[in-house]
Amino acid sequence: MATHYRYIRYGFGTVRPYIYGRLGLDDMVKEAFGALELERHQIAAHSFHIEVQIGDSVVVLETGEPLPAEATEGSIYLYVPDVDAVYQHALKCGAKSVAAPEDRPYGERTAGVKDSSGNTWWISTYQGE
C-alpha cells in the first residue's frame, strides 16, 4: 500500500526516473507501456516536461528537439504482467530489441528494448523463486 506525502507531487513515488528523449518519446511510452500522462509543460518552443504514470510509479520525460547538452541515456526497470506480450508490443511501437525475453535465475522473466532516444527499458515479470 502506497503512503501519500504532501511534499511529493501526486503523493507517491519518492524516487522517479528522469529521462531525456526526442519529441514523440511520450507517445511510445504511452502506447508500449500503457503510461497515463499526468501533466505536460512546454518549456521551450520544441521542449516539454512530461510526467507519466506507469502502474504505481511516475516517470519524468524531458523531451525536445534538439536534446539539451546535459541529456544522457537512461535505463528503466519496469514490471509488467506479461513480459513476452509487452516486449512484442514495444517492438511494434518502434522500440529496438536489446534482449529477448528470458528466464533469469532470480525468479524473473526479463527482456530489454531501446527507445529511439537511446534509453533502455528493462521489462520484467516476477515468477517467484
Protein backbone atom coordinates (compact mmCIF):
# COMPACT_ATOMS: atom_id res chain seq x y z
CA MET A 1 0.00 0.00 0.00
CA ALA A 2 1.42 3.37 -1.02
CA THR A 3 1.91 6.06 1.58
CA HIS A 4 0.97 9.54 0.39
CA TYR A 5 3.16 12.50 1.22
CA ARG A 6 2.09 16.11 0.79
CA TYR A 7 5.59 17.23 -0.21
CA ILE A 8 5.66 14.85 -3.21
CA ARG A 9 3.69 15.66 -6.35
CA TYR A 10 0.74 13.23 -6.65
CA GLY A 11 1.53 11.96 -3.16
CA PHE A 12 3.56 8.92 -4.22
CA GLY A 13 6.81 7.96 -5.90
CA THR A 14 9.64 9.21 -3.71
CA VAL A 15 12.15 8.16 -6.39
CA ARG A 16 11.35 8.95 -10.01
CA PRO A 17 13.25 8.02 -13.14
CA TYR A 18 14.04 11.16 -15.15
CA ILE A 19 14.89 10.52 -18.78
CA TYR A 20 15.55 12.61 -21.84
CA GLY A 21 14.17 11.91 -25.26
CA ARG A 22 13.20 13.26 -28.61
CA LEU A 23 9.71 14.52 -29.36
CA GLY A 24 7.35 11.54 -29.53
CA LEU A 25 9.01 9.58 -26.72
CA ASP A 26 5.89 10.15 -24.63
CA ASP A 27 3.71 8.63 -27.36
CA MET A 28 5.85 5.48 -27.47
CA VAL A 29 5.82 5.17 -23.66
CA LYS A 30 2.02 5.59 -23.56
CA GLU A 31 1.41 3.10 -26.37
CA ALA A 32 4.02 0.47 -25.46
CA PHE A 33 3.73 0.52 -21.66
CA GLY A 34 0.25 1.91 -21.01
CA ALA A 35 1.55 5.12 -19.42
CA LEU A 36 -1.01 7.70 -18.33
CA GLU A 37 0.00 11.34 -18.83
CA LEU A 38 -0.32 13.25 -15.57
CA GLU A 39 0.98 16.62 -16.71
CA ARG A 40 2.75 18.40 -19.56
CA HIS A 41 4.53 21.74 -19.57
CA GLN A 42 6.06 23.41 -22.59
CA ILE A 43 9.46 24.72 -21.50
CA ALA A 44 10.72 25.95 -24.89
CA ALA A 45 9.47 26.10 -28.47
CA HIS A 46 10.07 22.38 -29.02
CA SER A 47 10.68 21.09 -25.49
CA PHE A 48 8.34 19.57 -22.92
CA HIS A 49 8.44 18.40 -19.32
CA ILE A 50 6.00 15.46 -19.14
CA GLU A 51 5.17 13.28 -16.17
CA VAL A 52 3.56 9.90 -16.82
CA GLN A 53 2.30 7.18 -14.53
CA ILE A 54 3.03 3.53 -15.25
CA GLY A 55 1.34 1.29 -12.71
CA ASP A 56 2.12 2.77 -9.29
CA SER A 57 5.15 4.77 -10.46
CA VAL A 58 5.83 8.13 -12.08
CA VAL A 59 8.43 8.66 -14.81
CA VAL A 60 9.57 12.15 -15.80
CA LEU A 61 10.20 12.65 -19.52
CA GLU A 62 12.16 15.66 -20.71
CA THR A 63 11.50 15.72 -24.45
CA GLY A 64 12.56 18.08 -27.17
CA GLU A 65 14.42 18.94 -30.33
CA PRO A 66 17.28 19.33 -30.08
CA LEU A 67 18.12 17.47 -26.89
CA PRO A 68 19.84 19.66 -24.29
CA ALA A 69 23.60 19.32 -23.84
CA GLU A 70 23.12 17.69 -20.41
CA ALA A 71 20.88 14.92 -21.83
CA THR A 72 22.05 11.40 -21.08
CA GLU A 73 20.66 8.00 -21.95
CA GLY A 74 18.95 6.20 -19.10
CA SER A 75 17.67 2.79 -18.09
CA ILE A 76 14.28 1.98 -16.62
CA TYR A 77 13.29 -1.31 -14.95
CA LEU A 78 9.58 -1.92 -15.47
CA TYR A 79 7.45 -4.74 -14.03
CA VAL A 80 4.59 -5.92 -16.24
CA PRO A 81 2.07 -8.78 -16.02
CA ASP A 82 3.28 -10.44 -19.27
CA VAL A 83 6.84 -9.63 -20.34
CA ASP A 84 6.54 -11.51 -23.65
CA ALA A 85 3.43 -9.59 -24.75
CA VAL A 86 4.77 -6.19 -23.67
CA TYR A 87 8.13 -6.87 -25.34
CA GLN A 88 6.42 -7.71 -28.65
CA HIS A 89 4.13 -4.67 -28.35
CA ALA A 90 7.08 -2.35 -27.63
CA LEU A 91 8.82 -3.60 -30.78
CA LYS A 92 5.66 -2.85 -32.80
CA CYS A 93 5.71 0.66 -31.28
CA GLY A 94 9.20 1.32 -32.64
CA ALA A 95 11.48 0.12 -29.85
CA LYS A 96 14.53 -1.96 -30.78
CA SER A 97 15.40 -5.23 -29.07
CA VAL A 98 18.26 -5.28 -26.58
CA ALA A 99 17.44 -8.71 -25.14
CA ALA A 100 14.65 -11.16 -25.97
CA PRO A 101 12.53 -12.47 -23.07
CA GLU A 102 14.48 -14.94 -20.94
CA ASP A 103 14.01 -16.63 -17.58
CA ARG A 104 16.55 -15.31 -15.08
CA PRO A 105 17.94 -17.13 -12.02
CA TYR A 106 16.38 -14.60 -9.62
CA GLY A 107 12.80 -15.64 -10.43
CA GLU A 108 12.01 -13.13 -13.16
CA ARG A 109 11.42 -13.35 -16.88
CA THR A 110 13.14 -10.30 -18.35
CA ALA A 111 13.59 -8.59 -21.73
CA GLY A 112 15.05 -5.29 -22.87
CA VAL A 113 14.19 -2.72 -25.52
CA LYS A 114 15.74 0.58 -26.51
CA ASP A 115 13.63 3.62 -27.47
CA SER A 116 14.52 5.99 -30.32
CA SER A 117 16.40 8.27 -27.90
CA GLY A 118 18.70 5.50 -26.66
CA ASN A 119 17.02 4.83 -23.31
CA THR A 120 16.86 1.17 -22.33
CA TRP A 121 13.63 -0.21 -20.88
CA TRP A 122 14.14 -3.46 -18.98
CA ILE A 123 10.79 -5.25 -18.85
CA SER A 124 10.24 -7.95 -16.26
CA THR A 125 7.62 -10.28 -14.82
CA TYR A 126 8.30 -11.78 -11.40
CA GLN A 127 7.55 -15.50 -11.49
CA GLY A 128 8.65 -16.39 -7.99
CA GLU A 129 11.66 -18.34 -6.87
